């Protein structure tokens, strides 16, 4: 598959088949991610591939955050357990972090490099018949989620990438024409 086709076909996949993603497949995706451009070749990314127990623990941390919005403690526990079980059932889950850098300019460049790496990973997944769902949010700073992912204090989580064989591929979402956000200067 050429890169243009992979870009056109990439979607956020919310439901995966139960087929496991092999270590070899994950290693191929990570190798693609690590080829992303990065200023001064800092290679700031760190990849944490979560097994079933770690996925469950990460899901429990996310579920605990969601449970706080529930009307009753019982409903909160049920939601937490559901979210944890859903994460445990994912075929693969990769937490992408970067090494923290005190220099604000380099920190921004490292973050951008990690996001480019995540896009490489997503496109490589499409090329081999897999799908991804890239997740971000406040949970990534949650101590329980960080512990579940094995992320050190010297790292910042950039995104969580769920990976698997798509159960269904949604249609493309309507996007603005590129002309609406492009300015040509003389």
C-alpha atoms as a PDB file:
ATOM      1  CA  UNK A   1       0.000   0.000   0.000  1.00  0.00           C
ATOM      2  CA  UNK A   2       1.367   3.432  -0.839  1.00  0.00           C
ATOM      3  CA  UNK A   3       1.447   6.218   1.722  1.00  0.00           C
ATOM      4  CA  UNK A   4      -1.330   8.254   0.046  1.00  0.00           C
ATOM      5  CA  UNK A   5      -3.689   5.282   0.269  1.00  0.00           C
ATOM      6  CA  UNK A   6      -2.759   4.705   3.926  1.00  0.00           C
ATOM      7  CA  UNK A   7      -3.454   8.376   4.716  1.00  0.00           C
ATOM      8  CA  UNK A   8      -6.841   8.189   2.963  1.00  0.00           C
ATOM      9  CA  UNK A   9      -7.799   4.947   4.740  1.00  0.00           C
ATOM     10  CA  UNK A  10      -6.650   5.784   8.286  1.00  0.00           C
ATOM     11  CA  UNK A  11      -9.548   6.054  10.740  1.00  0.00           C
ATOM     12  CA  UNK A  12     -10.017   6.027  14.488  1.00  0.00           C
ATOM     13  CA  UNK A  13     -11.068   2.435  15.115  1.00  0.00           C
ATOM     14  CA  UNK A  14     -13.238   2.014  18.168  1.00  0.00           C
ATOM     15  CA  UNK A  15     -13.981  -1.718  17.922  1.00  0.00           C
ATOM     16  CA  UNK A  16     -11.471  -4.443  17.187  1.00  0.00           C
ATOM     17  CA  UNK A  17     -11.783  -8.145  16.485  1.00  0.00           C
ATOM     18  CA  UNK A  18     -10.410 -10.401  19.244  1.00  0.00           C
ATOM     19  CA  UNK A  19      -7.406 -11.394  17.074  1.00  0.00           C
ATOM     20  CA  UNK A  20      -4.259 -10.701  19.068  1.00  0.00           C
ATOM     21  CA  UNK A  21      -1.658  -8.363  17.630  1.00  0.00           C
ATOM     22  CA  UNK A  22       1.655 -10.197  17.536  1.00  0.00           C
ATOM     23  CA  UNK A  23       4.879  -8.943  19.035  1.00  0.00           C
ATOM     24  CA  UNK A  24       6.363  -8.898  15.519  1.00  0.00           C
ATOM     25  CA  UNK A  25       3.520  -6.685  14.285  1.00  0.00           C
ATOM     26  CA  UNK A  26       3.959  -4.306  17.209  1.00  0.00           C
ATOM     27  CA  UNK A  27       7.715  -4.173  16.653  1.00  0.00           C
ATOM     28  CA  UNK A  28       7.120  -3.205  13.001  1.00  0.00           C
ATOM     29  CA  UNK A  29       4.799  -0.396  14.067  1.00  0.00           C
ATOM     30  CA  UNK A  30       7.261   0.870  16.664  1.00  0.00           C
ATOM     31  CA  UNK A  31      10.085   0.772  14.120  1.00  0.00           C
ATOM     32  CA  UNK A  32       7.982   2.989  11.842  1.00  0.00           C
ATOM     33  CA  UNK A  33       7.267   5.371  14.728  1.00  0.00           C
ATOM     34  CA  UNK A  34      10.965   5.671  15.543  1.00  0.00           C
ATOM     35  CA  UNK A  35      11.692   6.866  11.989  1.00  0.00           C
ATOM     36  CA  UNK A  36       9.851  10.145  12.581  1.00  0.00           C
ATOM     37  CA  UNK A  37      11.835  13.340  12.161  1.00  0.00           C
ATOM     38  CA  UNK A  38      13.191  14.700  15.434  1.00  0.00           C
ATOM     39  CA  UNK A  39      15.257  17.814  15.980  1.00  0.00           C
ATOM     40  CA  UNK A  40      18.885  17.085  16.853  1.00  0.00           C
ATOM     41  CA  UNK A  41      18.035  13.377  16.704  1.00  0.00           C
ATOM     42  CA  UNK A  42      16.893  13.432  20.331  1.00  0.00           C
ATOM     43  CA  UNK A  43      14.734  10.333  19.800  1.00  0.00           C
ATOM     44  CA  UNK A  44      12.611  11.400  22.780  1.00  0.00           C
ATOM     45  CA  UNK A  45       9.935   8.728  22.505  1.00  0.00           C
ATOM     46  CA  UNK A  46       9.466   5.814  24.824  1.00  0.00           C
ATOM     47  CA  UNK A  47       7.035   3.014  24.017  1.00  0.00           C
ATOM     48  CA  UNK A  48       5.267   1.087  26.762  1.00  0.00           C
ATOM     49  CA  UNK A  49       3.470  -1.970  25.362  1.00  0.00           C
ATOM     50  CA  UNK A  50       0.839  -2.957  27.907  1.00  0.00           C
ATOM     51  CA  UNK A  51      -0.054  -6.591  28.497  1.00  0.00           C
ATOM     52  CA  UNK A  52      -3.504  -7.659  29.750  1.00  0.00           C
ATOM     53  CA  UNK A  53      -2.818  -6.897  33.431  1.00  0.00           C
ATOM     54  CA  UNK A  54      -1.371  -3.470  32.674  1.00  0.00           C
ATOM     55  CA  UNK A  55      -4.254  -2.703  30.288  1.00  0.00           C
ATOM     56  CA  UNK A  56      -6.709  -3.643  33.037  1.00  0.00           C
ATOM     57  CA  UNK A  57      -4.918  -1.401  35.546  1.00  0.00           C
ATOM     58  CA  UNK A  58      -4.839   1.511  33.092  1.00  0.00           C
ATOM     59  CA  UNK A  59      -8.535   0.982  32.342  1.00  0.00           C
ATOM     60  CA  UNK A  60      -9.295   0.899  36.074  1.00  0.00           C
ATOM     61  CA  UNK A  61      -7.545   4.264  36.496  1.00  0.00           C
ATOM     62  CA  UNK A  62      -9.562   5.736  33.624  1.00  0.00           C
ATOM     63  CA  UNK A  63     -12.737   4.111  34.933  1.00  0.00           C
ATOM     64  CA  UNK A  64     -12.131   5.529  38.398  1.00  0.00           C
ATOM     65  CA  UNK A  65     -11.983   9.022  36.913  1.00  0.00           C
ATOM     66  CA  UNK A  66     -15.234   8.419  35.009  1.00  0.00           C
ATOM     67  CA  UNK A  67     -16.879   6.868  38.081  1.00  0.00           C
ATOM     68  CA  UNK A  68     -16.654  10.170  39.951  1.00  0.00           C
ATOM     69  CA  UNK A  69     -19.422  11.477  37.680  1.00  0.00           C
ATOM     70  CA  UNK A  70     -21.812   8.645  38.588  1.00  0.00           C
ATOM     71  CA  UNK A  71     -24.843   9.216  40.797  1.00  0.00           C
ATOM     72  CA  UNK A  72     -24.131   6.293  43.143  1.00  0.00           C
ATOM     73  CA  UNK A  73     -21.038   4.447  44.370  1.00  0.00           C
ATOM     74  CA  UNK A  74     -22.452   1.191  42.955  1.00  0.00           C
ATOM     75  CA  UNK A  75     -22.833   2.727  39.500  1.00  0.00           C
ATOM     76  CA  UNK A  76     -19.309   4.100  39.793  1.00  0.00           C
ATOM     77  CA  UNK A  77     -17.847   0.686  40.651  1.00  0.00           C
ATOM     78  CA  UNK A  78     -19.729  -0.925  37.776  1.00  0.00           C
ATOM     79  CA  UNK A  79     -18.468   1.700  35.340  1.00  0.00           C
ATOM     80  CA  UNK A  80     -14.880   1.382  36.608  1.00  0.00           C
ATOM     81  CA  UNK A  81     -14.999  -2.403  36.235  1.00  0.00           C
ATOM     82  CA  UNK A  82     -16.506  -2.154  32.742  1.00  0.00           C
ATOM     83  CA  UNK A  83     -13.864   0.309  31.538  1.00  0.00           C
ATOM     84  CA  UNK A  84     -11.084  -1.823  33.054  1.00  0.00           C
ATOM     85  CA  UNK A  85     -12.414  -4.980  31.382  1.00  0.00           C
ATOM     86  CA  UNK A  86     -12.776  -3.223  28.028  1.00  0.00           C
ATOM     87  CA  UNK A  87      -9.136  -2.132  28.180  1.00  0.00           C
ATOM     88  CA  UNK A  88      -7.983  -5.596  29.189  1.00  0.00           C
ATOM     89  CA  UNK A  89      -9.775  -7.032  26.145  1.00  0.00           C
ATOM     90  CA  UNK A  90      -8.003  -4.725  23.682  1.00  0.00           C
ATOM     91  CA  UNK A  91      -5.734  -6.637  21.283  1.00  0.00           C
ATOM     92  CA  UNK A  92      -2.853  -4.214  21.954  1.00  0.00           C
ATOM     93  CA  UNK A  93      -2.263  -0.949  23.742  1.00  0.00           C
ATOM     94  CA  UNK A  94       0.824   1.224  23.421  1.00  0.00           C
ATOM     95  CA  UNK A  95       1.518   4.173  25.688  1.00  0.00           C
ATOM     96  CA  UNK A  96       3.806   6.671  23.988  1.00  0.00           C
ATOM     97  CA  UNK A  97       5.749   9.014  26.220  1.00  0.00           C
ATOM     98  CA  UNK A  98       8.640  11.398  25.846  1.00  0.00           C
ATOM     99  CA  UNK A  99      11.544  12.108  28.122  1.00  0.00           C
ATOM    100  CA  UNK A 100      10.909  15.431  29.848  1.00  0.00           C
ATOM    101  CA  UNK A 101      13.153  18.270  28.760  1.00  0.00           C
ATOM    102  CA  UNK A 102      13.535  21.428  30.849  1.00  0.00           C
ATOM    103  CA  UNK A 103      14.278  23.485  27.741  1.00  0.00           C
ATOM    104  CA  UNK A 104      10.830  24.699  26.545  1.00  0.00           C
ATOM    105  CA  UNK A 105      11.867  24.813  22.882  1.00  0.00           C
ATOM    106  CA  UNK A 106      13.269  21.279  22.915  1.00  0.00           C
ATOM    107  CA  UNK A 107      10.281  20.020  24.929  1.00  0.00           C
ATOM    108  CA  UNK A 108       7.940  21.330  22.231  1.00  0.00           C
ATOM    109  CA  UNK A 109      10.071  19.844  19.448  1.00  0.00           C
ATOM    110  CA  UNK A 110      10.175  16.479  21.238  1.00  0.00           C
ATOM    111  CA  UNK A 111       6.381  16.500  21.666  1.00  0.00           C
ATOM    112  CA  UNK A 112       5.948  17.259  17.957  1.00  0.00           C
ATOM    113  CA  UNK A 113       8.381  14.479  17.047  1.00  0.00           C
ATOM    114  CA  UNK A 114       6.466  11.987  19.185  1.00  0.00           C
ATOM    115  CA  UNK A 115       3.182  12.937  17.532  1.00  0.00           C
ATOM    116  CA  UNK A 116       4.777  12.487  14.096  1.00  0.00           C
ATOM    117  CA  UNK A 117       5.957   9.084  15.275  1.00  0.00           C
ATOM    118  CA  UNK A 118       2.437   8.201  16.364  1.00  0.00           C
ATOM    119  CA  UNK A 119       1.135   9.123  12.909  1.00  0.00           C
ATOM    120  CA  UNK A 120       3.846   6.928  11.343  1.00  0.00           C
ATOM    121  CA  UNK A 121       2.675   4.103  13.619  1.00  0.00           C
ATOM    122  CA  UNK A 122      -0.960   4.629  12.617  1.00  0.00           C
ATOM    123  CA  UNK A 123      -0.149   4.657   8.898  1.00  0.00           C
ATOM    124  CA  UNK A 124       2.054   1.575   9.209  1.00  0.00           C
ATOM    125  CA  UNK A 125      -0.844  -0.163  10.964  1.00  0.00           C
ATOM    126  CA  UNK A 126      -3.211   0.620   8.085  1.00  0.00           C
ATOM    127  CA  UNK A 127      -0.658  -0.696   5.595  1.00  0.00           C
ATOM    128  CA  UNK A 128      -0.691  -4.129   7.289  1.00  0.00           C
ATOM    129  CA  UNK A 129      -4.455  -4.347   7.842  1.00  0.00           C
ATOM    130  CA  UNK A 130      -4.544  -3.094  11.426  1.00  0.00           C
ATOM    131  CA  UNK A 131      -6.287  -0.087  12.874  1.00  0.00           C
ATOM    132  CA  UNK A 132      -5.552   2.349  15.657  1.00  0.00           C
ATOM    133  CA  UNK A 133      -7.339   4.657  18.028  1.00  0.00           C
ATOM    134  CA  UNK A 134      -5.139   7.461  19.333  1.00  0.00           C
ATOM    135  CA  UNK A 135      -6.256   8.632  22.773  1.00  0.00           C
ATOM    136  CA  UNK A 136      -5.200  11.709  24.749  1.00  0.00           C
ATOM    137  CA  UNK A 137      -6.609  13.436  27.802  1.00  0.00           C
ATOM    138  CA  UNK A 138      -6.190  14.270  31.452  1.00  0.00           C
ATOM    139  CA  UNK A 139      -5.973  10.607  32.486  1.00  0.00           C
ATOM    140  CA  UNK A 140      -2.438  10.541  31.105  1.00  0.00           C
ATOM    141  CA  UNK A 141      -1.287  12.621  34.106  1.00  0.00           C
ATOM    142  CA  UNK A 142      -3.155  10.419  36.589  1.00  0.00           C
ATOM    143  CA  UNK A 143      -0.660   8.695  38.925  1.00  0.00           C
ATOM    144  CA  UNK A 144      -2.516   5.355  38.753  1.00  0.00           C
ATOM    145  CA  UNK A 145      -2.598   5.432  34.936  1.00  0.00           C
ATOM    146  CA  UNK A 146       1.092   6.381  34.791  1.00  0.00           C
ATOM    147  CA  UNK A 147       1.966   3.560  37.192  1.00  0.00           C
ATOM    148  CA  UNK A 148      -0.087   1.054  35.169  1.00  0.00           C
ATOM    149  CA  UNK A 149       1.815   2.097  32.043  1.00  0.00           C
ATOM    150  CA  UNK A 150       5.211   1.933  33.728  1.00  0.00           C
ATOM    151  CA  UNK A 151       5.922   5.575  32.905  1.00  0.00           C
ATOM    152  CA  UNK A 152       8.680   7.165  34.957  1.00  0.00           C
ATOM    153  CA  UNK A 153       8.598  10.564  36.620  1.00  0.00           C
ATOM    154  CA  UNK A 154      11.027  11.823  33.976  1.00  0.00           C
ATOM    155  CA  UNK A 155       8.512  11.101  31.196  1.00  0.00           C
ATOM    156  CA  UNK A 156       5.382  12.764  29.859  1.00  0.00           C
ATOM    157  CA  UNK A 157       2.667  10.617  28.255  1.00  0.00           C
ATOM    158  CA  UNK A 158       1.858  11.978  24.808  1.00  0.00           C
ATOM    159  CA  UNK A 159      -0.836   9.517  23.742  1.00  0.00           C
ATOM    160  CA  UNK A 160      -2.209   6.035  24.187  1.00  0.00           C
ATOM    161  CA  UNK A 161      -2.626   4.041  20.987  1.00  0.00           C
ATOM    162  CA  UNK A 162      -5.042   1.125  20.883  1.00  0.00           C
ATOM    163  CA  UNK A 163      -4.146  -1.283  18.080  1.00  0.00           C
ATOM    164  CA  UNK A 164      -5.947  -4.219  16.533  1.00  0.00           C
ATOM    165  CA  UNK A 165      -7.679  -5.682  13.558  1.00  0.00           C
ATOM    166  CA  UNK A 166     -10.697  -3.440  12.872  1.00  0.00           C
ATOM    167  CA  UNK A 167     -14.073  -5.036  13.512  1.00  0.00           C
ATOM    168  CA  UNK A 168     -15.524  -2.249  11.422  1.00  0.00           C
ATOM    169  CA  UNK A 169     -14.067   0.767   9.668  1.00  0.00           C
ATOM    170  CA  UNK A 170     -16.137   3.917   9.934  1.00  0.00           C
ATOM    171  CA  UNK A 171     -16.695   6.088   6.880  1.00  0.00           C
ATOM    172  CA  UNK A 172     -14.529   9.179   6.565  1.00  0.00           C
ATOM    173  CA  UNK A 173     -15.685  12.248   8.460  1.00  0.00           C
ATOM    174  CA  UNK A 174     -16.472  15.396   6.557  1.00  0.00           C
ATOM    175  CA  UNK A 175     -13.548  17.802   6.695  1.00  0.00           C
ATOM    176  CA  UNK A 176     -13.112  21.372   5.571  1.00  0.00           C
ATOM    177  CA  UNK A 177     -11.527  21.828   2.188  1.00  0.00           C
ATOM    178  CA  UNK A 178      -7.829  22.554   2.519  1.00  0.00           C
ATOM    179  CA  UNK A 179      -8.362  25.771   0.570  1.00  0.00           C
ATOM    180  CA  UNK A 180     -10.328  27.143   3.530  1.00  0.00           C
ATOM    181  CA  UNK A 181      -7.255  27.047   5.745  1.00  0.00           C
ATOM    182  CA  UNK A 182      -4.512  27.854   3.232  1.00  0.00           C
ATOM    183  CA  UNK A 183      -2.967  31.240   2.551  1.00  0.00           C
ATOM    184  CA  UNK A 184      -0.646  31.694  -0.399  1.00  0.00           C
ATOM    185  CA  UNK A 185       1.834  34.536   0.010  1.00  0.00           C
ATOM    186  CA  UNK A 186       3.845  36.193  -2.771  1.00  0.00           C
END
